[in-house]
Amino acid sequence: MAAKSKEPARPVRYVGMATVGRWIGVSGQTIAVYRKRYEESEHPCPTPDGVIVEERETPGWLPEREEEWRAWASNRPGQGAGGGRPRKQSE
C-alpha cells in the first residue's frame, strides 16, 4: 500500500501591532497603549485573531481586518473627549 503524500498545511499569517499601527498612522507601541486604554470602554480595539506565546503574549490579527482597524481608529474618541485633569476653578 503506497503512502499518500500530503502537502503540509500552510500556517495562518497574522500581523502584529507594528503593522496595525502603520494601517492607522501610529506606532506599534501606541496600539499597545490603545488596547489597554480602551479595553473596558464602549469602544474597545478589535480583538486579536491569535496570540503568539513566547516570553510574553503578542497579539496578532488577520491581514484582511485592516478595514476594521481603520474604522475603529476613525471612530476613536480623541484628545479631550471625556477625561483628563479638571481645570482649575478661578476664584
Protein backbone atom coordinates (compact mmCIF):
# COMPACT_ATOMS: atom_id res chain seq x y z
CA MET A 1 0.00 0.00 0.00
CA ALA A 2 1.55 3.28 -1.10
CA ALA A 3 1.60 6.18 1.35
CA LYS A 4 -0.26 9.26 0.16
CA SER A 5 1.88 12.35 0.05
CA LYS A 6 0.10 15.22 1.65
CA GLU A 7 1.37 18.77 1.50
CA PRO A 8 1.79 20.31 4.93
CA ALA A 9 -0.85 22.88 5.82
CA ARG A 10 0.29 26.43 5.33
CA PRO A 11 0.48 28.39 8.57
CA VAL A 12 -2.07 31.13 9.17
CA ARG A 13 -0.41 34.50 8.73
CA TYR A 14 -1.07 37.28 11.23
CA VAL A 15 0.09 40.87 11.51
CA GLY A 16 1.30 42.41 14.74
CA MET A 17 0.91 45.75 16.45
CA ALA A 18 3.55 47.45 14.28
CA THR A 19 1.62 46.66 11.09
CA VAL A 20 -1.71 47.62 12.66
CA GLY A 21 -0.10 50.89 13.73
CA ARG A 22 1.03 51.58 10.15
CA TRP A 23 -2.54 50.98 8.97
CA ILE A 24 -3.86 53.76 11.20
CA GLY A 25 -0.83 56.07 11.29
CA VAL A 26 0.59 55.38 14.76
CA SER A 27 3.39 53.26 16.24
CA GLY A 28 3.04 49.68 17.38
CA GLN A 29 3.61 50.89 20.95
CA THR A 30 0.64 53.23 20.58
CA ILE A 31 -1.51 50.24 19.59
CA ALA A 32 -0.45 48.57 22.86
CA VAL A 33 -1.49 51.72 24.75
CA TYR A 34 -4.82 51.87 22.91
CA ARG A 35 -5.52 48.22 23.71
CA LYS A 36 -5.13 48.91 27.44
CA ARG A 37 -6.83 52.30 27.40
CA TYR A 38 -9.95 51.17 25.56
CA GLU A 39 -10.07 47.59 26.88
CA GLU A 40 -13.12 48.10 29.10
CA SER A 41 -14.62 51.04 27.26
CA GLU A 42 -17.55 51.23 24.88
CA HIS A 43 -15.00 51.40 22.06
CA PRO A 44 -12.52 48.50 22.57
CA CYS A 45 -9.90 47.71 19.93
CA PRO A 46 -10.63 44.84 17.55
CA THR A 47 -9.99 41.52 19.31
CA PRO A 48 -6.87 39.65 18.15
CA ASP A 49 -7.36 36.57 15.98
CA GLY A 50 -4.45 34.81 17.61
CA VAL A 51 -1.72 35.12 20.21
CA ILE A 52 1.94 34.19 19.95
CA VAL A 53 3.23 32.95 23.28
CA GLU A 54 6.94 33.23 23.95
CA GLU A 55 8.40 35.36 26.75
CA ARG A 56 5.15 37.35 26.69
CA GLU A 57 1.94 37.12 24.75
CA THR A 58 1.88 39.02 21.47
CA PRO A 59 -1.48 39.61 19.75
CA GLY A 60 -1.94 39.03 16.04
CA TRP A 61 -4.69 39.95 13.58
CA LEU A 62 -5.55 38.54 10.18
CA PRO A 63 -4.41 40.91 7.39
CA GLU A 64 -7.94 41.15 6.00
CA ARG A 65 -9.03 43.01 9.16
CA GLU A 66 -7.26 46.22 8.08
CA GLU A 67 -10.54 47.98 7.23
CA GLU A 68 -11.97 47.06 10.65
CA TRP A 69 -8.98 48.71 12.31
CA ARG A 70 -9.29 51.80 10.11
CA ALA A 71 -12.98 52.09 11.02
CA TRP A 72 -12.13 51.66 14.71
CA ALA A 73 -9.48 54.40 14.52
CA SER A 74 -11.76 56.84 12.71
CA ASN A 75 -14.38 56.46 15.48
CA ARG A 76 -11.94 56.53 18.40
CA PRO A 77 -12.53 59.27 20.98
CA GLY A 78 -9.84 61.92 20.56
CA GLN A 79 -7.98 64.11 23.00
CA GLY A 80 -10.21 65.93 25.41
CA ALA A 81 -13.08 63.50 24.97
CA GLY A 82 -14.38 62.94 28.46
CA GLY A 83 -11.27 62.83 30.53
CA GLY A 84 -8.15 64.42 31.78
CA ARG A 85 -7.39 66.61 34.70
CA PRO A 86 -10.20 69.01 35.68
CA ARG A 87 -9.45 72.67 35.05
CA LYS A 88 -8.62 74.89 38.00
CA GLN A 89 -11.54 76.89 39.20
CA SER A 90 -10.73 80.60 39.19
CA GLU A 91 -11.76 82.30 42.38
